[in-house]
Structure formats: structure tokens, C-alpha cells
């Protein structure tokens, strides 16, 4: 029985286990640890037997072995609502950062503790303005939406101290 299992395992390991790769012309964001520095955003040019060729945003071709890919994301276009949300968050943070230094200024004319100072009013105003401006700009320019492509499980026969073992790698 063991003699029959070895050819079956070796033939199973030799089968390509590729996921459906994006078609040429598709905008993608790919990652390949140890091959690429960070992620590359570009357009799929073509695929070969074992590699994916992407033309990056600078116009240069980037060839990555398919078995070296750690992530593939496909662009689903720009979203005004997602852009508005992102812009509002950025605007709130920047607006608060601009107004916050003025909140800690002492004001001798303020005699009651419950009355907001000019500094706290300024923080509220700059934060609200930042939200409005950020949301407006975000809605106009939008934010790119990415959908993750599931990568295949990788099957390999690896030597161990006692013989051969079957190894499964699942990349998320």
C-alpha cells in the first residue's frame, strides 16, 4: 500500500494549483514577500506558464512568479461614498490638530468654568471645517475599492529526516 501512495502523492504535488488569475488589462495590487518591496499597483499585461507580468504605474513591467505571490487585489473602481468617509476622517484629524494648540491658551476674561473658551470653540470649528472639506474632496475624488483574490493552496513534497512529507501552504 505504501508503494502505491508515493506515486499518487508525487503526481498530486506536480499538479498546478493556480487560482483564477486576473485577465490582461485588469488593474491590480500585488504583493510578493521577498520579491517585491511592498505592494505594486499596475495593470496585468499577460501571464506566462509560471509568472504574472504587471505594468506598474511608472510604466515598467514587473514579472512575479505565481508561486511567489502573497496577495492579489483587483480594483473595483472608485467610490464617492468611501472617499467621503475617508476624507471626513482625515479632515477631522487635521482640523483638530490645527485647532488644538489654541485650546490650551489661558484666557483671563473667562470667569466661569462651564463657559467654553475661545480656544475650545476654535478646535470645534477647525474640526468641523476639516470634516466638511475632507468629505467634500473625498466625494469628488473618490477612493479606490480593492477586492482580494483568493490565492491557491500550495502543495509540495518536502524531505524530512525520516523520508518525504507532503506540505500544504494556504496563503490568505
C-alpha atoms as a PDB file:
ATOM      1  CA  UNK A   1       0.000   0.000   0.000  1.00  0.00           C
ATOM      2  CA  UNK A   2       2.842   2.418   0.798  1.00  0.00           C
ATOM      3  CA  UNK A   3       4.373   1.857  -2.626  1.00  0.00           C
ATOM      4  CA  UNK A   4       1.096   2.919  -4.258  1.00  0.00           C
ATOM      5  CA  UNK A   5       0.806   6.069  -2.123  1.00  0.00           C
ATOM      6  CA  UNK A   6       4.172   7.556  -3.121  1.00  0.00           C
ATOM      7  CA  UNK A   7       3.405   7.868  -6.869  1.00  0.00           C
ATOM      8  CA  UNK A   8      -0.023   9.281  -6.029  1.00  0.00           C
ATOM      9  CA  UNK A   9       1.451  11.916  -3.709  1.00  0.00           C
ATOM     10  CA  UNK A  10       4.170  12.885  -6.188  1.00  0.00           C
ATOM     11  CA  UNK A  11       1.662  13.201  -9.033  1.00  0.00           C
ATOM     12  CA  UNK A  12      -0.657  15.253  -6.809  1.00  0.00           C
ATOM     13  CA  UNK A  13       2.191  17.598  -5.923  1.00  0.00           C
ATOM     14  CA  UNK A  14       3.017  18.057  -9.581  1.00  0.00           C
ATOM     15  CA  UNK A  15      -0.472  19.324 -10.410  1.00  0.00           C
ATOM     16  CA  UNK A  16      -0.655  23.100 -10.818  1.00  0.00           C
ATOM     17  CA  UNK A  17      -2.925  24.633  -8.209  1.00  0.00           C
ATOM     18  CA  UNK A  18      -3.375  28.106  -9.651  1.00  0.00           C
ATOM     19  CA  UNK A  19      -6.286  30.332  -8.767  1.00  0.00           C
ATOM     20  CA  UNK A  20      -8.135  32.228 -11.431  1.00  0.00           C
ATOM     21  CA  UNK A  21      -5.688  34.998 -12.256  1.00  0.00           C
ATOM     22  CA  UNK A  22      -6.928  38.429 -13.350  1.00  0.00           C
ATOM     23  CA  UNK A  23      -7.340  38.955 -17.093  1.00  0.00           C
ATOM     24  CA  UNK A  24      -4.970  41.216 -19.068  1.00  0.00           C
ATOM     25  CA  UNK A  25      -5.978  44.862 -18.739  1.00  0.00           C
ATOM     26  CA  UNK A  26      -7.208  44.469 -15.147  1.00  0.00           C
ATOM     27  CA  UNK A  27      -5.911  46.957 -12.562  1.00  0.00           C
ATOM     28  CA  UNK A  28      -4.347  45.006  -9.690  1.00  0.00           C
ATOM     29  CA  UNK A  29      -2.381  45.449  -6.484  1.00  0.00           C
ATOM     30  CA  UNK A  30       0.027  42.570  -5.862  1.00  0.00           C
ATOM     31  CA  UNK A  31       2.376  41.577  -3.079  1.00  0.00           C
ATOM     32  CA  UNK A  32       5.216  39.072  -3.120  1.00  0.00           C
ATOM     33  CA  UNK A  33       7.273  38.913   0.058  1.00  0.00           C
ATOM     34  CA  UNK A  34      10.982  38.662  -0.660  1.00  0.00           C
ATOM     35  CA  UNK A  35      10.455  39.509  -4.350  1.00  0.00           C
ATOM     36  CA  UNK A  36       8.813  42.945  -4.274  1.00  0.00           C
ATOM     37  CA  UNK A  37       9.469  45.818  -1.907  1.00  0.00           C
ATOM     38  CA  UNK A  38       5.944  46.419  -0.635  1.00  0.00           C
ATOM     39  CA  UNK A  39       2.975  46.225  -2.967  1.00  0.00           C
ATOM     40  CA  UNK A  40       2.876  47.054  -6.667  1.00  0.00           C
ATOM     41  CA  UNK A  41      -0.142  48.683  -8.287  1.00  0.00           C
ATOM     42  CA  UNK A  42      -0.486  48.317 -12.021  1.00  0.00           C
ATOM     43  CA  UNK A  43      -2.257  46.667 -14.935  1.00  0.00           C
ATOM     44  CA  UNK A  44      -1.968  42.988 -15.819  1.00  0.00           C
ATOM     45  CA  UNK A  45      -0.097  42.715 -19.131  1.00  0.00           C
ATOM     46  CA  UNK A  46      -0.076  38.940 -19.527  1.00  0.00           C
ATOM     47  CA  UNK A  47       0.595  35.668 -17.754  1.00  0.00           C
ATOM     48  CA  UNK A  48       3.109  33.029 -18.707  1.00  0.00           C
ATOM     49  CA  UNK A  49       3.345  29.421 -17.563  1.00  0.00           C
ATOM     50  CA  UNK A  50       4.573  30.342 -14.111  1.00  0.00           C
ATOM     51  CA  UNK A  51       4.560  34.123 -13.819  1.00  0.00           C
ATOM     52  CA  UNK A  52       2.356  37.198 -13.835  1.00  0.00           C
ATOM     53  CA  UNK A  53       3.532  40.292 -15.726  1.00  0.00           C
ATOM     54  CA  UNK A  54       2.162  43.613 -14.448  1.00  0.00           C
ATOM     55  CA  UNK A  55       2.927  47.056 -15.883  1.00  0.00           C
ATOM     56  CA  UNK A  56       3.315  49.260 -12.817  1.00  0.00           C
ATOM     57  CA  UNK A  57       2.132  52.876 -12.548  1.00  0.00           C
ATOM     58  CA  UNK A  58       5.556  54.127 -13.672  1.00  0.00           C
ATOM     59  CA  UNK A  59       5.237  52.151 -16.911  1.00  0.00           C
ATOM     60  CA  UNK A  60       7.797  49.444 -16.173  1.00  0.00           C
ATOM     61  CA  UNK A  61       6.992  45.745 -16.413  1.00  0.00           C
ATOM     62  CA  UNK A  62       7.127  43.742 -13.180  1.00  0.00           C
ATOM     63  CA  UNK A  63       7.368  39.958 -13.515  1.00  0.00           C
ATOM     64  CA  UNK A  64       6.448  37.911 -10.452  1.00  0.00           C
ATOM     65  CA  UNK A  65       6.414  34.120 -10.206  1.00  0.00           C
ATOM     66  CA  UNK A  66       2.878  32.973  -9.440  1.00  0.00           C
ATOM     67  CA  UNK A  67       4.057  30.735  -6.615  1.00  0.00           C
ATOM     68  CA  UNK A  68       5.768  33.782  -5.032  1.00  0.00           C
ATOM     69  CA  UNK A  69       2.593  35.880  -4.806  1.00  0.00           C
ATOM     70  CA  UNK A  70       1.396  36.622  -1.285  1.00  0.00           C
ATOM     71  CA  UNK A  71      -1.585  38.800  -2.246  1.00  0.00           C
ATOM     72  CA  UNK A  72      -3.580  39.850  -5.298  1.00  0.00           C
ATOM     73  CA  UNK A  73      -6.282  42.505  -5.163  1.00  0.00           C
ATOM     74  CA  UNK A  74      -8.421  43.626  -8.108  1.00  0.00           C
ATOM     75  CA  UNK A  75      -9.642  47.214  -8.420  1.00  0.00           C
ATOM     76  CA  UNK A  76     -13.414  47.610  -8.457  1.00  0.00           C
ATOM     77  CA  UNK A  77     -13.254  51.316  -9.326  1.00  0.00           C
ATOM     78  CA  UNK A  78     -13.619  54.454  -7.268  1.00  0.00           C
ATOM     79  CA  UNK A  79     -16.332  55.037  -4.685  1.00  0.00           C
ATOM     80  CA  UNK A  80     -17.522  58.560  -3.825  1.00  0.00           C
ATOM     81  CA  UNK A  81     -19.100  57.478  -0.521  1.00  0.00           C
ATOM     82  CA  UNK A  82     -15.993  55.627   0.642  1.00  0.00           C
ATOM     83  CA  UNK A  83     -13.896  58.609  -0.443  1.00  0.00           C
ATOM     84  CA  UNK A  84     -16.152  60.980   1.527  1.00  0.00           C
ATOM     85  CA  UNK A  85     -15.818  58.850   4.661  1.00  0.00           C
ATOM     86  CA  UNK A  86     -12.046  58.659   4.337  1.00  0.00           C
ATOM     87  CA  UNK A  87     -11.835  62.392   3.628  1.00  0.00           C
ATOM     88  CA  UNK A  88     -14.028  63.223   6.634  1.00  0.00           C
ATOM     89  CA  UNK A  89     -11.782  61.184   8.938  1.00  0.00           C
ATOM     90  CA  UNK A  90      -8.615  62.778   7.588  1.00  0.00           C
ATOM     91  CA  UNK A  91     -10.231  66.226   7.749  1.00  0.00           C
ATOM     92  CA  UNK A  92     -11.336  65.727  11.361  1.00  0.00           C
ATOM     93  CA  UNK A  93      -7.831  64.731  12.399  1.00  0.00           C
ATOM     94  CA  UNK A  94      -6.146  67.587  10.569  1.00  0.00           C
ATOM     95  CA  UNK A  95      -8.740  70.127  11.713  1.00  0.00           C
ATOM     96  CA  UNK A  96      -8.346  69.074  15.336  1.00  0.00           C
ATOM     97  CA  UNK A  97      -4.554  69.174  15.022  1.00  0.00           C
ATOM     98  CA  UNK A  98      -4.714  72.744  13.701  1.00  0.00           C
ATOM     99  CA  UNK A  99      -7.060  73.984  16.446  1.00  0.00           C
ATOM    100  CA  UNK A 100      -5.742  72.002  19.412  1.00  0.00           C
ATOM    101  CA  UNK A 101      -2.699  74.198  20.193  1.00  0.00           C
ATOM    102  CA  UNK A 102      -5.067  77.161  20.747  1.00  0.00           C
ATOM    103  CA  UNK A 103      -7.251  75.277  23.245  1.00  0.00           C
ATOM    104  CA  UNK A 104      -4.655  75.436  25.996  1.00  0.00           C
ATOM    105  CA  UNK A 105      -4.174  79.196  25.945  1.00  0.00           C
ATOM    106  CA  UNK A 106      -5.186  80.888  29.191  1.00  0.00           C
ATOM    107  CA  UNK A 107      -7.955  83.483  28.841  1.00  0.00           C
ATOM    108  CA  UNK A 108      -8.190  85.974  31.694  1.00  0.00           C
ATOM    109  CA  UNK A 109     -11.697  87.134  30.712  1.00  0.00           C
ATOM    110  CA  UNK A 110     -13.255  83.694  31.248  1.00  0.00           C
ATOM    111  CA  UNK A 111     -14.633  83.740  34.811  1.00  0.00           C
ATOM    112  CA  UNK A 112     -16.875  80.662  34.682  1.00  0.00           C
ATOM    113  CA  UNK A 113     -15.672  77.092  34.232  1.00  0.00           C
ATOM    114  CA  UNK A 114     -18.700  75.958  32.167  1.00  0.00           C
ATOM    115  CA  UNK A 115     -18.336  78.635  29.512  1.00  0.00           C
ATOM    116  CA  UNK A 116     -16.311  77.385  26.529  1.00  0.00           C
ATOM    117  CA  UNK A 117     -13.164  79.328  25.889  1.00  0.00           C
ATOM    118  CA  UNK A 118     -12.278  80.827  22.557  1.00  0.00           C
ATOM    119  CA  UNK A 119      -9.679  78.091  22.161  1.00  0.00           C
ATOM    120  CA  UNK A 120     -12.162  75.226  22.544  1.00  0.00           C
ATOM    121  CA  UNK A 121     -14.554  76.960  20.153  1.00  0.00           C
ATOM    122  CA  UNK A 122     -11.711  77.216  17.669  1.00  0.00           C
ATOM    123  CA  UNK A 123     -10.942  73.471  17.998  1.00  0.00           C
ATOM    124  CA  UNK A 124     -14.606  72.624  17.366  1.00  0.00           C
ATOM    125  CA  UNK A 125     -14.739  74.988  14.381  1.00  0.00           C
ATOM    126  CA  UNK A 126     -11.498  73.732  12.756  1.00  0.00           C
ATOM    127  CA  UNK A 127     -12.519  70.102  13.315  1.00  0.00           C
ATOM    128  CA  UNK A 128     -15.976  70.639  11.798  1.00  0.00           C
ATOM    129  CA  UNK A 129     -14.453  72.567   8.888  1.00  0.00           C
ATOM    130  CA  UNK A 130     -11.927  69.785   8.342  1.00  0.00           C
ATOM    131  CA  UNK A 131     -14.712  67.188   8.257  1.00  0.00           C
ATOM    132  CA  UNK A 132     -16.719  69.232   5.732  1.00  0.00           C
ATOM    133  CA  UNK A 133     -13.763  69.994   3.461  1.00  0.00           C
ATOM    134  CA  UNK A 134     -12.364  66.446   3.714  1.00  0.00           C
ATOM    135  CA  UNK A 135     -15.719  64.811   2.975  1.00  0.00           C
ATOM    136  CA  UNK A 136     -16.291  67.121   0.013  1.00  0.00           C
ATOM    137  CA  UNK A 137     -12.871  66.446  -1.507  1.00  0.00           C
ATOM    138  CA  UNK A 138     -13.184  62.714  -0.789  1.00  0.00           C
ATOM    139  CA  UNK A 139     -16.554  62.558  -2.531  1.00  0.00           C
ATOM    140  CA  UNK A 140     -15.219  64.405  -5.581  1.00  0.00           C
ATOM    141  CA  UNK A 141     -12.048  62.352  -5.980  1.00  0.00           C
ATOM    142  CA  UNK A 142     -13.366  59.068  -4.587  1.00  0.00           C
ATOM    143  CA  UNK A 143     -11.414  56.219  -3.068  1.00  0.00           C
ATOM    144  CA  UNK A 144     -10.322  53.133  -4.943  1.00  0.00           C
ATOM    145  CA  UNK A 145     -12.027  49.923  -3.849  1.00  0.00           C
ATOM    146  CA  UNK A 146      -9.994  46.689  -3.819  1.00  0.00           C
ATOM    147  CA  UNK A 147     -11.305  43.129  -3.808  1.00  0.00           C
ATOM    148  CA  UNK A 148      -8.961  40.395  -2.619  1.00  0.00           C
ATOM    149  CA  UNK A 149      -8.439  37.407  -4.923  1.00  0.00           C
ATOM    150  CA  UNK A 150      -8.060  34.103  -3.110  1.00  0.00           C
ATOM    151  CA  UNK A 151      -4.695  32.572  -3.767  1.00  0.00           C
ATOM    152  CA  UNK A 152      -4.393  28.834  -4.255  1.00  0.00           C
ATOM    153  CA  UNK A 153      -3.227  26.347  -1.707  1.00  0.00           C
ATOM    154  CA  UNK A 154       0.314  25.279  -2.462  1.00  0.00           C
ATOM    155  CA  UNK A 155       1.196  21.609  -2.325  1.00  0.00           C
ATOM    156  CA  UNK A 156       4.786  20.425  -2.081  1.00  0.00           C
ATOM    157  CA  UNK A 157       6.701  17.256  -1.305  1.00  0.00           C
ATOM    158  CA  UNK A 158       9.493  18.130   1.129  1.00  0.00           C
ATOM    159  CA  UNK A 159      12.274  15.963   2.519  1.00  0.00           C
ATOM    160  CA  UNK A 160      12.292  15.303   6.243  1.00  0.00           C
ATOM    161  CA  UNK A 161      14.716  13.449   8.475  1.00  0.00           C
ATOM    162  CA  UNK A 162      12.669  10.261   8.064  1.00  0.00           C
ATOM    163  CA  UNK A 163      11.697  10.484   4.385  1.00  0.00           C
ATOM    164  CA  UNK A 164       9.302  12.676   2.459  1.00  0.00           C
ATOM    165  CA  UNK A 165       6.359  14.699   3.704  1.00  0.00           C
ATOM    166  CA  UNK A 166       3.500  16.481   1.997  1.00  0.00           C
ATOM    167  CA  UNK A 167       3.274  20.175   2.877  1.00  0.00           C
ATOM    168  CA  UNK A 168       0.222  22.394   2.317  1.00  0.00           C
ATOM    169  CA  UNK A 169       0.607  26.163   2.316  1.00  0.00           C
ATOM    170  CA  UNK A 170      -2.513  28.294   2.268  1.00  0.00           C
ATOM    171  CA  UNK A 171      -1.895  31.976   1.579  1.00  0.00           C
ATOM    172  CA  UNK A 172      -4.660  34.292   2.779  1.00  0.00           C
END
